[in-house]
Amino acid sequence: MGTTKKWRNLQGNPRLSLVVDDLVSTRPWRVRGVEIRGHATLEVGPHALGPHFSPEVIRIHPDRVFAWGLDT
């Protein structure tokens, strides 16, 4: 993770947006998703995500969260 363009971009500007969306069905047309806007901290070292992850982690600190089409 520490060698990616995403990591380098966040070093210069920690603002970010993450969108996860899904097409539930096409008939009827139903979509759902979440958008998280905030800032990132870049962390290096041991973490609890597991050994298959790199030691570099991007932690998102949300300022705004938008959701659509989710049943809560």
PDB file of N, CA and C in Angstrom:
ATOM      1  N   MET A   1       0.822  -1.194   0.000  1.00  0.00           N
ATOM      2  CA  MET A   1       0.000   0.000   0.000  1.00  0.00           C
ATOM      3  C   MET A   1       0.868   1.259   0.000  1.00  0.00           C
ATOM      4  N   GLY A   2       1.982   1.220   0.688  1.00  0.00           N
ATOM      5  CA  GLY A   2       2.828   2.394   0.815  1.00  0.00           C
ATOM      6  C   GLY A   2       3.487   2.833  -0.479  1.00  0.00           C
ATOM      7  N   THR A   3       3.474   1.991  -1.497  1.00  0.00           N
ATOM      8  CA  THR A   3       4.093   2.346  -2.773  1.00  0.00           C
ATOM      9  C   THR A   3       3.059   2.743  -3.828  1.00  0.00           C
ATOM     10  N   THR A   4       1.789   2.821  -3.464  1.00  0.00           N
ATOM     11  CA  THR A   4       0.731   3.100  -4.437  1.00  0.00           C
ATOM     12  C   THR A   4       0.567   4.594  -4.677  1.00  0.00           C
ATOM     13  N   LYS A   5      -0.013   4.922  -5.819  1.00  0.00           N
ATOM     14  CA  LYS A   5      -0.319   6.319  -6.145  1.00  0.00           C
ATOM     15  C   LYS A   5      -1.326   6.895  -5.152  1.00  0.00           C
ATOM     16  N   LYS A   6      -2.268   6.087  -4.715  1.00  0.00           N
ATOM     17  CA  LYS A   6      -3.250   6.537  -3.732  1.00  0.00           C
ATOM     18  C   LYS A   6      -2.546   7.021  -2.458  1.00  0.00           C
ATOM     19  N   TRP A   7      -1.569   6.262  -1.986  1.00  0.00           N
ATOM     20  CA  TRP A   7      -0.817   6.621  -0.786  1.00  0.00           C
ATOM     21  C   TRP A   7      -0.074   7.944  -1.010  1.00  0.00           C
ATOM     22  N   ARG A   8       0.602   8.057  -2.148  1.00  0.00           N
ATOM     23  CA  ARG A   8       1.351   9.287  -2.458  1.00  0.00           C
ATOM     24  C   ARG A   8       0.417  10.490  -2.563  1.00  0.00           C
ATOM     25  N   ASN A   9      -0.746  10.319  -3.206  1.00  0.00           N
ATOM     26  CA  ASN A   9      -1.701  11.423  -3.317  1.00  0.00           C
ATOM     27  C   ASN A   9      -2.188  11.881  -1.949  1.00  0.00           C
ATOM     28  N   LEU A  10      -2.453  10.942  -1.059  1.00  0.00           N
ATOM     29  CA  LEU A  10      -2.934  11.299   0.270  1.00  0.00           C
ATOM     30  C   LEU A  10      -1.854  11.963   1.119  1.00  0.00           C
ATOM     31  N   GLN A  11      -0.597  11.717   0.810  1.00  0.00           N
ATOM     32  CA  GLN A  11       0.476  12.424   1.509  1.00  0.00           C
ATOM     33  C   GLN A  11       0.420  13.921   1.188  1.00  0.00           C
ATOM     34  N   GLY A  12       0.065  14.267  -0.031  1.00  0.00           N
ATOM     35  CA  GLY A  12      -0.022  15.664  -0.438  1.00  0.00           C
ATOM     36  C   GLY A  12      -1.341  16.324  -0.073  1.00  0.00           C
ATOM     37  N   ASN A  13      -2.419  15.559  -0.073  1.00  0.00           N
ATOM     38  CA  ASN A  13      -3.754  16.076   0.228  1.00  0.00           C
ATOM     39  C   ASN A  13      -4.551  14.969   0.902  1.00  0.00           C
ATOM     40  N   PRO A  14      -4.793  15.064   2.204  1.00  0.00           N
ATOM     41  CA  PRO A  14      -5.458  13.969   2.919  1.00  0.00           C
ATOM     42  C   PRO A  14      -6.975  13.913   2.749  1.00  0.00           C
ATOM     43  N   ARG A  15      -7.580  14.820   1.981  1.00  0.00           N
ATOM     44  CA  ARG A  15      -9.026  14.782   1.757  1.00  0.00           C
ATOM     45  C   ARG A  15      -9.360  13.612   0.840  1.00  0.00           C
ATOM     46  N   LEU A  16     -10.458  12.915   1.128  1.00  0.00           N
ATOM     47  CA  LEU A  16     -10.830  11.782   0.296  1.00  0.00           C
ATOM     48  C   LEU A  16     -12.321  11.567   0.282  1.00  0.00           C
ATOM     49  N   SER A  17     -12.736  10.770  -0.679  1.00  0.00           N
ATOM     50  CA  SER A  17     -14.111  10.320  -0.789  1.00  0.00           C
ATOM     51  C   SER A  17     -14.072   8.846  -1.179  1.00  0.00           C
ATOM     52  N   LEU A  18     -14.871   8.052  -0.518  1.00  0.00           N
ATOM     53  CA  LEU A  18     -14.963   6.621  -0.807  1.00  0.00           C
ATOM     54  C   LEU A  18     -16.419   6.301  -1.105  1.00  0.00           C
ATOM     55  N   VAL A  19     -16.668   5.672  -2.254  1.00  0.00           N
ATOM     56  CA  VAL A  19     -18.021   5.294  -2.642  1.00  0.00           C
ATOM     57  C   VAL A  19     -18.084   3.787  -2.829  1.00  0.00           C
ATOM     58  N   VAL A  20     -19.089   3.178  -2.224  1.00  0.00           N
ATOM     59  CA  VAL A  20     -19.388   1.763  -2.431  1.00  0.00           C
ATOM     60  C   VAL A  20     -20.838   1.708  -2.872  1.00  0.00           C
ATOM     61  N   ASP A  21     -21.068   1.208  -4.091  1.00  0.00           N
ATOM     62  CA  ASP A  21     -22.444   1.124  -4.570  1.00  0.00           C
ATOM     63  C   ASP A  21     -22.723  -0.262  -5.133  1.00  0.00           C
ATOM     64  N   ASP A  22     -24.007  -0.542  -5.280  1.00  0.00           N
ATOM     65  CA  ASP A  22     -24.437  -1.883  -5.647  1.00  0.00           C
ATOM     66  C   ASP A  22     -25.736  -1.783  -6.427  1.00  0.00           C
ATOM     67  N   LEU A  23     -25.876  -2.596  -7.444  1.00  0.00           N
ATOM     68  CA  LEU A  23     -27.121  -2.707  -8.186  1.00  0.00           C
ATOM     69  C   LEU A  23     -27.876  -3.904  -7.624  1.00  0.00           C
ATOM     70  N   VAL A  24     -28.920  -3.630  -6.859  1.00  0.00           N
ATOM     71  CA  VAL A  24     -29.681  -4.684  -6.192  1.00  0.00           C
ATOM     72  C   VAL A  24     -30.472  -5.496  -7.207  1.00  0.00           C
ATOM     73  N   SER A  25     -31.156  -4.797  -8.104  1.00  0.00           N
ATOM     74  CA  SER A  25     -31.920  -5.492  -9.146  1.00  0.00           C
ATOM     75  C   SER A  25     -32.141  -4.537 -10.311  1.00  0.00           C
ATOM     76  N   THR A  26     -32.440  -5.115 -11.475  1.00  0.00           N
ATOM     77  CA  THR A  26     -32.731  -4.288 -12.650  1.00  0.00           C
ATOM     78  C   THR A  26     -34.227  -4.184 -12.916  1.00  0.00           C
ATOM     79  N   ARG A  27     -35.013  -5.129 -12.386  1.00  0.00           N
ATOM     80  CA  ARG A  27     -36.467  -5.100 -12.539  1.00  0.00           C
ATOM     81  C   ARG A  27     -37.124  -5.424 -11.216  1.00  0.00           C
ATOM     82  N   PRO A  28     -37.493  -4.450 -10.445  1.00  0.00           N
ATOM     83  CA  PRO A  28     -37.384  -3.014 -10.697  1.00  0.00           C
ATOM     84  C   PRO A  28     -35.945  -2.527 -10.483  1.00  0.00           C
ATOM     85  N   TRP A  29     -35.639  -1.375 -11.058  1.00  0.00           N
ATOM     86  CA  TRP A  29     -34.304  -0.788 -10.918  1.00  0.00           C
ATOM     87  C   TRP A  29     -34.116  -0.335  -9.475  1.00  0.00           C
ATOM     88  N   ARG A  30     -33.172  -0.966  -8.789  1.00  0.00           N
ATOM     89  CA  ARG A  30     -32.901  -0.606  -7.386  1.00  0.00           C
ATOM     90  C   ARG A  30     -31.393  -0.558  -7.186  1.00  0.00           C
ATOM     91  N   VAL A  31     -30.947   0.573  -6.700  1.00  0.00           N
ATOM     92  CA  VAL A  31     -29.529   0.744  -6.387  1.00  0.00           C
ATOM     93  C   VAL A  31     -29.395   1.123  -4.919  1.00  0.00           C
ATOM     94  N   ARG A  32     -28.214   0.883  -4.386  1.00  0.00           N
ATOM     95  CA  ARG A  32     -27.938   1.277  -3.007  1.00  0.00           C
ATOM     96  C   ARG A  32     -26.456   1.601  -2.908  1.00  0.00           C
ATOM     97  N   GLY A  33     -26.129   2.376  -1.897  1.00  0.00           N
ATOM     98  CA  GLY A  33     -24.724   2.706  -1.754  1.00  0.00           C
ATOM     99  C   GLY A  33     -24.456   3.608  -0.566  1.00  0.00           C
ATOM    100  N   VAL A  34     -23.179   3.849  -0.368  1.00  0.00           N
ATOM    101  CA  VAL A  34     -22.692   4.720   0.699  1.00  0.00           C
ATOM    102  C   VAL A  34     -21.535   5.536   0.135  1.00  0.00           C
ATOM    103  N   GLU A  35     -21.519   6.829   0.440  1.00  0.00           N
ATOM    104  CA  GLU A  35     -20.386   7.687   0.114  1.00  0.00           C
ATOM    105  C   GLU A  35     -19.879   8.282   1.416  1.00  0.00           C
ATOM    106  N   ILE A  36     -18.590   8.149   1.661  1.00  0.00           N
ATOM    107  CA  ILE A  36     -17.955   8.691   2.857  1.00  0.00           C
ATOM    108  C   ILE A  36     -16.978   9.765   2.414  1.00  0.00           C
ATOM    109  N   ARG A  37     -17.120  10.973   2.962  1.00  0.00           N
ATOM    110  CA  ARG A  37     -16.200  12.066   2.687  1.00  0.00           C
ATOM    111  C   ARG A  37     -15.514  12.441   3.990  1.00  0.00           C
ATOM    112  N   GLY A  38     -14.212  12.663   3.911  1.00  0.00           N
ATOM    113  CA  GLY A  38     -13.488  13.021   5.117  1.00  0.00           C
ATOM    114  C   GLY A  38     -12.019  13.204   4.838  1.00  0.00           C
ATOM    115  N   HIS A  39     -11.211  12.895   5.835  1.00  0.00           N
ATOM    116  CA  HIS A  39      -9.765  12.990   5.665  1.00  0.00           C
ATOM    117  C   HIS A  39      -9.124  11.689   6.123  1.00  0.00           C
ATOM    118  N   ALA A  40      -7.922  11.483   5.648  1.00  0.00           N
ATOM    119  CA  ALA A  40      -7.221  10.229   5.910  1.00  0.00           C
ATOM    120  C   ALA A  40      -5.985  10.475   6.747  1.00  0.00           C
ATOM    121  N   THR A  41      -5.662   9.490   7.553  1.00  0.00           N
ATOM    122  CA  THR A  41      -4.344   9.428   8.173  1.00  0.00           C
ATOM    123  C   THR A  41      -3.675   8.177   7.634  1.00  0.00           C
ATOM    124  N   LEU A  42      -2.391   8.317   7.356  1.00  0.00           N
ATOM    125  CA  LEU A  42      -1.613   7.203   6.834  1.00  0.00           C
ATOM    126  C   LEU A  42      -0.858   6.579   7.994  1.00  0.00           C
ATOM    127  N   GLU A  43      -1.114   5.321   8.262  1.00  0.00           N
ATOM    128  CA  GLU A  43      -0.526   4.645   9.408  1.00  0.00           C
ATOM    129  C   GLU A  43       0.343   3.489   8.936  1.00  0.00           C
ATOM    130  N   VAL A  44       1.476   3.348   9.600  1.00  0.00           N
ATOM    131  CA  VAL A  44       2.420   2.285   9.253  1.00  0.00           C
ATOM    132  C   VAL A  44       2.754   1.524  10.524  1.00  0.00           C
ATOM    133  N   GLY A  45       2.682   0.213  10.448  1.00  0.00           N
ATOM    134  CA  GLY A  45       3.031  -0.615  11.595  1.00  0.00           C
ATOM    135  C   GLY A  45       2.036  -1.729  11.795  1.00  0.00           C
ATOM    136  N   PRO A  46       2.181  -2.444  12.880  1.00  0.00           N
ATOM    137  CA  PRO A  46       1.279  -3.570  13.141  1.00  0.00           C
ATOM    138  C   PRO A  46      -0.162  -3.095  13.336  1.00  0.00           C
ATOM    139  N   HIS A  47      -1.088  -3.917  12.898  1.00  0.00           N
ATOM    140  CA  HIS A  47      -2.511  -3.632  13.066  1.00  0.00           C
ATOM    141  C   HIS A  47      -3.260  -4.953  13.177  1.00  0.00           C
ATOM    142  N   ALA A  48      -4.552  -4.852  13.478  1.00  0.00           N
ATOM    143  CA  ALA A  48      -5.355  -6.051  13.730  1.00  0.00           C
ATOM    144  C   ALA A  48      -6.059  -6.587  12.489  1.00  0.00           C
ATOM    145  N   LEU A  49      -5.727  -6.085  11.300  1.00  0.00           N
ATOM    146  CA  LEU A  49      -6.410  -6.542  10.091  1.00  0.00           C
ATOM    147  C   LEU A  49      -5.979  -7.930   9.642  1.00  0.00           C
ATOM    148  N   GLY A  50      -4.827  -8.368  10.069  1.00  0.00           N
ATOM    149  CA  GLY A  50      -4.370  -9.702   9.707  1.00  0.00           C
ATOM    150  C   GLY A  50      -3.068  -9.662   8.930  1.00  0.00           C
ATOM    151  N   PRO A  51      -2.406 -10.802   8.855  1.00  0.00           N
ATOM    152  CA  PRO A  51      -1.088 -10.857   8.234  1.00  0.00           C
ATOM    153  C   PRO A  51      -1.091 -10.697   6.712  1.00  0.00           C
ATOM    154  N   HIS A  52      -2.235 -10.877   6.075  1.00  0.00           N
ATOM    155  CA  HIS A  52      -2.298 -10.776   4.614  1.00  0.00           C
ATOM    156  C   HIS A  52      -2.403  -9.332   4.132  1.00  0.00           C
ATOM    157  N   PHE A  53      -2.507  -8.351   5.051  1.00  0.00           N
ATOM    158  CA  PHE A  53      -2.536  -6.938   4.694  1.00  0.00           C
ATOM    159  C   PHE A  53      -1.146  -6.340   4.845  1.00  0.00           C
ATOM    160  N   SER A  54      -0.868  -5.298   4.068  1.00  0.00           N
ATOM    161  CA  SER A  54       0.425  -4.619   4.173  1.00  0.00           C
ATOM    162  C   SER A  54       0.490  -3.857   5.491  1.00  0.00           C
ATOM    163  N   PRO A  55       1.695  -3.486   5.953  1.00  0.00           N
ATOM    164  CA  PRO A  55       1.803  -2.738   7.208  1.00  0.00           C
ATOM    165  C   PRO A  55       1.293  -1.297   7.078  1.00  0.00           C
ATOM    166  N   GLU A  56       1.098  -0.814   5.841  1.00  0.00           N
ATOM    167  CA  GLU A  56       0.565   0.531   5.639  1.00  0.00           C
ATOM    168  C   GLU A  56      -0.958   0.453   5.541  1.00  0.00           C
ATOM    169  N   VAL A  57      -1.630   1.338   6.287  1.00  0.00           N
ATOM    170  CA  VAL A  57      -3.091   1.347   6.333  1.00  0.00           C
ATOM    171  C   VAL A  57      -3.573   2.788   6.185  1.00  0.00           C
ATOM    172  N   ILE A  58      -4.625   2.984   5.407  1.00  0.00           N
ATOM    173  CA  ILE A  58      -5.271   4.287   5.295  1.00  0.00           C
ATOM    174  C   ILE A  58      -6.478   4.269   6.224  1.00  0.00           C
ATOM    175  N   ARG A  59      -6.452   5.137   7.222  1.00  0.00           N
ATOM    176  CA  ARG A  59      -7.578   5.242   8.156  1.00  0.00           C
ATOM    177  C   ARG A  59      -8.422   6.443   7.740  1.00  0.00           C
ATOM    178  N   ILE A  60      -9.717   6.222   7.551  1.00  0.00           N
ATOM    179  CA  ILE A  60     -10.639   7.277   7.127  1.00  0.00           C
ATOM    180  C   ILE A  60     -11.332   7.861   8.349  1.00  0.00           C
ATOM    181  N   HIS A  61     -11.311   9.198   8.437  1.00  0.00           N
ATOM    182  CA  HIS A  61     -12.017   9.935   9.486  1.00  0.00           C
ATOM    183  C   HIS A  61     -13.159  10.683   8.802  1.00  0.00           C
ATOM    184  N   PRO A  62     -14.388  10.161   8.897  1.00  0.00           N
ATOM    185  CA  PRO A  62     -15.510  10.735   8.148  1.00  0.00           C
ATOM    186  C   PRO A  62     -15.918  12.116   8.654  1.00  0.00           C
ATOM    187  N   ASP A  63     -16.224  12.993   7.702  1.00  0.00           N
ATOM    188  CA  ASP A  63     -16.861  14.277   7.994  1.00  0.00           C
ATOM    189  C   ASP A  63     -18.332  14.215   7.616  1.00  0.00           C
ATOM    190  N   ARG A  64     -18.633  13.511   6.504  1.00  0.00           N
ATOM    191  CA  ARG A  64     -20.009  13.364   6.033  1.00  0.00           C
ATOM    192  C   ARG A  64     -20.185  11.960   5.482  1.00  0.00           C
ATOM    193  N   VAL A  65     -21.368  11.407   5.712  1.00  0.00           N
ATOM    194  CA  VAL A  65     -21.707  10.088   5.179  1.00  0.00           C
ATOM    195  C   VAL A  65     -23.069  10.201   4.500  1.00  0.00           C
ATOM    196  N   PHE A  66     -23.118   9.801   3.233  1.00  0.00           N
ATOM    197  CA  PHE A  66     -24.362   9.774   2.477  1.00  0.00           C
ATOM    198  C   PHE A  66     -24.692   8.309   2.179  1.00  0.00           C
ATOM    199  N   ALA A  67     -25.957   7.966   2.319  1.00  0.00           N
ATOM    200  CA  ALA A  67     -26.387   6.605   2.000  1.00  0.00           C
ATOM    201  C   ALA A  67     -27.686   6.686   1.212  1.00  0.00           C
ATOM    202  N   TRP A  68     -27.867   5.735   0.301  1.00  0.00           N
ATOM    203  CA  TRP A  68     -29.100   5.679  -0.471  1.00  0.00           C
ATOM    204  C   TRP A  68     -29.469   4.216  -0.708  1.00  0.00           C
ATOM    205  N   GLY A  69     -30.774   3.968  -0.704  1.00  0.00           N
ATOM    206  CA  GLY A  69     -31.284   2.650  -1.014  1.00  0.00           C
ATOM    207  C   GLY A  69     -31.030   1.583   0.020  1.00  0.00           C
ATOM    208  N   LEU A  70     -30.627   1.968   1.224  1.00  0.00           N
ATOM    209  CA  LEU A  70     -30.352   0.987   2.269  1.00  0.00           C
ATOM    210  C   LEU A  70     -31.554   0.844   3.178  1.00  0.00           C
ATOM    211  N   ASP A  71     -31.910  -0.361   3.507  1.00  0.00           N
ATOM    212  CA  ASP A  71     -32.973  -0.617   4.470  1.00  0.00           C
ATOM    213  C   ASP A  71     -32.347  -0.692   5.841  1.00  0.00           C
ATOM    214  N   THR A  72     -32.748   0.199   6.734  1.00  0.00           N
ATOM    215  CA  THR A  72     -32.176   0.191   8.091  1.00  0.00           C
ATOM    216  C   THR A  72     -33.218  -0.050   9.134  1.00  0.00           C
TER     217      THR A  72
END
